[in-house]
Every structure is written in C-alpha cells, then in structure tokens.
Amino acid sequence: MERVSVAFVEPLYEINVGYVARCMKNFGLSKLVLVKPRCSVGGEAYKFAA
C-alpha cells in the first residue's frame, strides 16, 4: 500500500489530524497530505496519533 496517499482537506482541529494519522497507521498507511490546513500541527496532533 505504499502508493496510497490520504488527503485531508482543510482540517479545522489538530486533534483530528492526530486521529487520522492513528487510523492510517492501523491500516498500514503512511503518507498523509494536508490540503489547506486551517490549524497548526503540533503537540496535540502528535499526542492523539500515538
């Protein structure tokens, strides 16, 4: 599945970015593309991705 990318368009909250990253990892996906994010991606996203 290395050719599969997930595009997350205009995420509002970084917690959602973390949740999407966690779900992707559970399914063996690793390429997340943020399109026009409306939030910063920092500690909160990383906390919920783990």
PDB file of N, CA and C in Angstrom:
ATOM      1  N   MET A   1       0.815  -1.198   0.000  1.00  0.00           N
ATOM      2  CA  MET A   1       0.000   0.000   0.000  1.00  0.00           C
ATOM      3  C   MET A   1       0.857   1.259   0.000  1.00  0.00           C
ATOM      4  N   GLU A   2       2.098   1.147  -0.366  1.00  0.00           N
ATOM      5  CA  GLU A   2       2.985   2.304  -0.327  1.00  0.00           C
ATOM      6  C   GLU A   2       2.611   3.367  -1.348  1.00  0.00           C
ATOM      7  N   ARG A   3       1.776   3.035  -2.335  1.00  0.00           N
ATOM      8  CA  ARG A   3       1.386   4.013  -3.345  1.00  0.00           C
ATOM      9  C   ARG A   3       0.114   4.763  -2.959  1.00  0.00           C
ATOM     10  N   VAL A   4      -0.482   4.419  -1.842  1.00  0.00           N
ATOM     11  CA  VAL A   4      -1.726   5.052  -1.403  1.00  0.00           C
ATOM     12  C   VAL A   4      -1.411   6.274  -0.544  1.00  0.00           C
ATOM     13  N   SER A   5      -2.073   7.379  -0.846  1.00  0.00           N
ATOM     14  CA  SER A   5      -1.954   8.595  -0.045  1.00  0.00           C
ATOM     15  C   SER A   5      -3.340   8.983   0.451  1.00  0.00           C
ATOM     16  N   VAL A   6      -3.382   9.588   1.618  1.00  0.00           N
ATOM     17  CA  VAL A   6      -4.633  10.094   2.170  1.00  0.00           C
ATOM     18  C   VAL A   6      -4.549  11.612   2.162  1.00  0.00           C
ATOM     19  N   ALA A   7      -5.539  12.262   1.555  1.00  0.00           N
ATOM     20  CA  ALA A   7      -5.594  13.721   1.534  1.00  0.00           C
ATOM     21  C   ALA A   7      -6.638  14.185   2.539  1.00  0.00           C
ATOM     22  N   PHE A   8      -6.228  15.027   3.450  1.00  0.00           N
ATOM     23  CA  PHE A   8      -7.124  15.588   4.460  1.00  0.00           C
ATOM     24  C   PHE A   8      -7.273  17.065   4.101  1.00  0.00           C
ATOM     25  N   VAL A   9      -8.472  17.456   3.670  1.00  0.00           N
ATOM     26  CA  VAL A   9      -8.704  18.796   3.149  1.00  0.00           C
ATOM     27  C   VAL A   9      -9.264  19.713   4.239  1.00  0.00           C
ATOM     28  N   GLU A  10      -8.588  20.816   4.444  1.00  0.00           N
ATOM     29  CA  GLU A  10      -8.966  21.869   5.376  1.00  0.00           C
ATOM     30  C   GLU A  10      -9.331  21.374   6.777  1.00  0.00           C
ATOM     31  N   PRO A  11      -8.436  20.626   7.419  1.00  0.00           N
ATOM     32  CA  PRO A  11      -8.743  20.215   8.789  1.00  0.00           C
ATOM     33  C   PRO A  11      -8.819  21.440   9.709  1.00  0.00           C
ATOM     34  N   LEU A  12      -9.831  21.451  10.568  1.00  0.00           N
ATOM     35  CA  LEU A  12     -10.029  22.582  11.477  1.00  0.00           C
ATOM     36  C   LEU A  12      -9.272  22.429  12.789  1.00  0.00           C
ATOM     37  N   TYR A  13      -9.144  21.196  13.267  1.00  0.00           N
ATOM     38  CA  TYR A  13      -8.559  20.959  14.585  1.00  0.00           C
ATOM     39  C   TYR A  13      -7.407  19.972  14.477  1.00  0.00           C
ATOM     40  N   GLU A  14      -6.320  20.276  15.147  1.00  0.00           N
ATOM     41  CA  GLU A  14      -5.164  19.392  15.044  1.00  0.00           C
ATOM     42  C   GLU A  14      -5.420  18.032  15.680  1.00  0.00           C
ATOM     43  N   ILE A  15      -6.367  17.932  16.605  1.00  0.00           N
ATOM     44  CA  ILE A  15      -6.702  16.635  17.188  1.00  0.00           C
ATOM     45  C   ILE A  15      -7.208  15.680  16.096  1.00  0.00           C
ATOM     46  N   ASN A  16      -7.932  16.223  15.125  1.00  0.00           N
ATOM     47  CA  ASN A  16      -8.435  15.388  14.030  1.00  0.00           C
ATOM     48  C   ASN A  16      -7.303  14.883  13.144  1.00  0.00           C
ATOM     49  N   VAL A  17      -6.282  15.701  12.973  1.00  0.00           N
ATOM     50  CA  VAL A  17      -5.114  15.263  12.205  1.00  0.00           C
ATOM     51  C   VAL A  17      -4.468  14.075  12.916  1.00  0.00           C
ATOM     52  N   GLY A  18      -4.385  14.152  14.230  1.00  0.00           N
ATOM     53  CA  GLY A  18      -3.831  13.045  15.014  1.00  0.00           C
ATOM     54  C   GLY A  18      -4.650  11.780  14.883  1.00  0.00           C
ATOM     55  N   TYR A  19      -5.978  11.916  14.953  1.00  0.00           N
ATOM     56  CA  TYR A  19      -6.850  10.746  14.818  1.00  0.00           C
ATOM     57  C   TYR A  19      -6.712  10.097  13.442  1.00  0.00           C
ATOM     58  N   VAL A  20      -6.635  10.916  12.405  1.00  0.00           N
ATOM     59  CA  VAL A  20      -6.474  10.377  11.052  1.00  0.00           C
ATOM     60  C   VAL A  20      -5.140   9.651  10.939  1.00  0.00           C
ATOM     61  N   ALA A  21      -4.091  10.227  11.486  1.00  0.00           N
ATOM     62  CA  ALA A  21      -2.771   9.585  11.439  1.00  0.00           C
ATOM     63  C   ALA A  21      -2.793   8.240  12.158  1.00  0.00           C
ATOM     64  N   ARG A  22      -3.471   8.176  13.302  1.00  0.00           N
ATOM     65  CA  ARG A  22      -3.563   6.917  14.050  1.00  0.00           C
ATOM     66  C   ARG A  22      -4.322   5.859  13.244  1.00  0.00           C
ATOM     67  N   CYS A  23      -5.432   6.241  12.649  1.00  0.00           N
ATOM     68  CA  CYS A  23      -6.204   5.297  11.826  1.00  0.00           C
ATOM     69  C   CYS A  23      -5.384   4.807  10.637  1.00  0.00           C
ATOM     70  N   MET A  24      -4.649   5.721  10.018  1.00  0.00           N
ATOM     71  CA  MET A  24      -3.813   5.331   8.886  1.00  0.00           C
ATOM     72  C   MET A  24      -2.782   4.295   9.307  1.00  0.00           C
ATOM     73  N   LYS A  25      -2.153   4.506  10.450  1.00  0.00           N
ATOM     74  CA  LYS A  25      -1.140   3.561  10.927  1.00  0.00           C
ATOM     75  C   LYS A  25      -1.752   2.189  11.161  1.00  0.00           C
ATOM     76  N   ASN A  26      -2.967   2.156  11.712  1.00  0.00           N
ATOM     77  CA  ASN A  26      -3.647   0.883  11.956  1.00  0.00           C
ATOM     78  C   ASN A  26      -3.896   0.104  10.671  1.00  0.00           C
ATOM     79  N   PHE A  27      -4.029   0.804   9.551  1.00  0.00           N
ATOM     80  CA  PHE A  27      -4.275   0.156   8.269  1.00  0.00           C
ATOM     81  C   PHE A  27      -3.023   0.060   7.405  1.00  0.00           C
ATOM     82  N   GLY A  28      -1.872   0.408   7.969  1.00  0.00           N
ATOM     83  CA  GLY A  28      -0.615   0.264   7.249  1.00  0.00           C
ATOM     84  C   GLY A  28      -0.323   1.374   6.255  1.00  0.00           C
ATOM     85  N   LEU A  29      -0.981   2.514   6.401  1.00  0.00           N
ATOM     86  CA  LEU A  29      -0.746   3.648   5.506  1.00  0.00           C
ATOM     87  C   LEU A  29       0.197   4.636   6.180  1.00  0.00           C
ATOM     88  N   SER A  30       0.988   5.346   5.383  1.00  0.00           N
ATOM     89  CA  SER A  30       1.956   6.252   5.998  1.00  0.00           C
ATOM     90  C   SER A  30       2.045   7.633   5.344  1.00  0.00           C
ATOM     91  N   LYS A  31       1.384   7.845   4.210  1.00  0.00           N
ATOM     92  CA  LYS A  31       1.513   9.137   3.540  1.00  0.00           C
ATOM     93  C   LYS A  31       0.234   9.954   3.704  1.00  0.00           C
ATOM     94  N   LEU A  32       0.319  10.988   4.540  1.00  0.00           N
ATOM     95  CA  LEU A  32      -0.800  11.893   4.791  1.00  0.00           C
ATOM     96  C   LEU A  32      -0.474  13.245   4.172  1.00  0.00           C
ATOM     97  N   VAL A  33      -1.385  13.741   3.353  1.00  0.00           N
ATOM     98  CA  VAL A  33      -1.212  15.037   2.709  1.00  0.00           C
ATOM     99  C   VAL A  33      -2.269  15.984   3.265  1.00  0.00           C
ATOM    100  N   LEU A  34      -1.834  17.080   3.863  1.00  0.00           N
ATOM    101  CA  LEU A  34      -2.763  18.087   4.367  1.00  0.00           C
ATOM    102  C   LEU A  34      -2.939  19.160   3.302  1.00  0.00           C
ATOM    103  N   VAL A  35      -4.195  19.392   2.922  1.00  0.00           N
ATOM    104  CA  VAL A  35      -4.512  20.378   1.894  1.00  0.00           C
ATOM    105  C   VAL A  35      -5.178  21.573   2.573  1.00  0.00           C
ATOM    106  N   LYS A  36      -4.549  22.718   2.493  1.00  0.00           N
ATOM    107  CA  LYS A  36      -5.054  23.954   3.086  1.00  0.00           C
ATOM    108  C   LYS A  36      -5.481  23.763   4.539  1.00  0.00           C
ATOM    109  N   PRO A  37      -4.573  23.302   5.396  1.00  0.00           N
ATOM    110  CA  PRO A  37      -4.954  23.111   6.800  1.00  0.00           C
ATOM    111  C   PRO A  37      -5.344  24.435   7.452  1.00  0.00           C
ATOM    112  N   ARG A  38      -6.378  24.387   8.272  1.00  0.00           N
ATOM    113  CA  ARG A  38      -6.852  25.572   8.972  1.00  0.00           C
ATOM    114  C   ARG A  38      -6.443  25.535  10.442  1.00  0.00           C
ATOM    115  N   CYS A  39      -5.459  24.698  10.731  1.00  0.00           N
ATOM    116  CA  CYS A  39      -4.924  24.587  12.084  1.00  0.00           C
ATOM    117  C   CYS A  39      -3.429  24.314  11.979  1.00  0.00           C
ATOM    118  N   SER A  40      -2.745  24.509  13.080  1.00  0.00           N
ATOM    119  CA  SER A  40      -1.334  24.133  13.111  1.00  0.00           C
ATOM    120  C   SER A  40      -1.250  22.663  13.500  1.00  0.00           C
ATOM    121  N   VAL A  41      -0.150  22.043  13.182  1.00  0.00           N
ATOM    122  CA  VAL A  41       0.047  20.641  13.553  1.00  0.00           C
ATOM    123  C   VAL A  41       1.210  20.601  14.525  1.00  0.00           C
ATOM    124  N   GLY A  42       0.892  20.277  15.759  1.00  0.00           N
ATOM    125  CA  GLY A  42       1.914  20.275  16.798  1.00  0.00           C
ATOM    126  C   GLY A  42       1.676  19.179  17.810  1.00  0.00           C
ATOM    127  N   GLY A  43       1.934  19.510  19.056  1.00  0.00           N
ATOM    128  CA  GLY A  43       1.876  18.542  20.142  1.00  0.00           C
ATOM    129  C   GLY A  43       0.548  17.830  20.291  1.00  0.00           C
ATOM    130  N   GLU A  44      -0.549  18.548  20.118  1.00  0.00           N
ATOM    131  CA  GLU A  44      -1.878  17.941  20.261  1.00  0.00           C
ATOM    132  C   GLU A  44      -2.091  16.848  19.211  1.00  0.00           C
ATOM    133  N   ALA A  45      -1.704  17.105  17.984  1.00  0.00           N
ATOM    134  CA  ALA A  45      -1.848  16.103  16.918  1.00  0.00           C
ATOM    135  C   ALA A  45      -0.979  14.887  17.206  1.00  0.00           C
ATOM    136  N   TYR A  46       0.256  15.131  17.630  1.00  0.00           N
ATOM    137  CA  TYR A  46       1.166  14.015  17.914  1.00  0.00           C
ATOM    138  C   TYR A  46       0.668  13.178  19.084  1.00  0.00           C
ATOM    139  N   LYS A  47       0.088  13.838  20.082  1.00  0.00           N
ATOM    140  CA  LYS A  47      -0.416  13.124  21.258  1.00  0.00           C
ATOM    141  C   LYS A  47      -1.530  12.147  20.870  1.00  0.00           C
ATOM    142  N   PHE A  48      -2.435  12.562  20.005  1.00  0.00           N
ATOM    143  CA  PHE A  48      -3.552  11.702  19.628  1.00  0.00           C
ATOM    144  C   PHE A  48      -3.191  10.722  18.518  1.00  0.00           C
ATOM    145  N   ALA A  49      -2.059  10.938  17.867  1.00  0.00           N
ATOM    146  CA  ALA A  49      -1.607   9.987  16.848  1.00  0.00           C
ATOM    147  C   ALA A  49      -0.928   8.780  17.484  1.00  0.00           C
ATOM    148  N   ALA A  50      -0.378   8.958  18.672  1.00  0.00           N
ATOM    149  CA  ALA A  50       0.375   7.883  19.328  1.00  0.00           C
ATOM    150  C   ALA A  50      -0.526   6.802  19.889  1.00  0.00           C
TER     151      ALA A  50
END
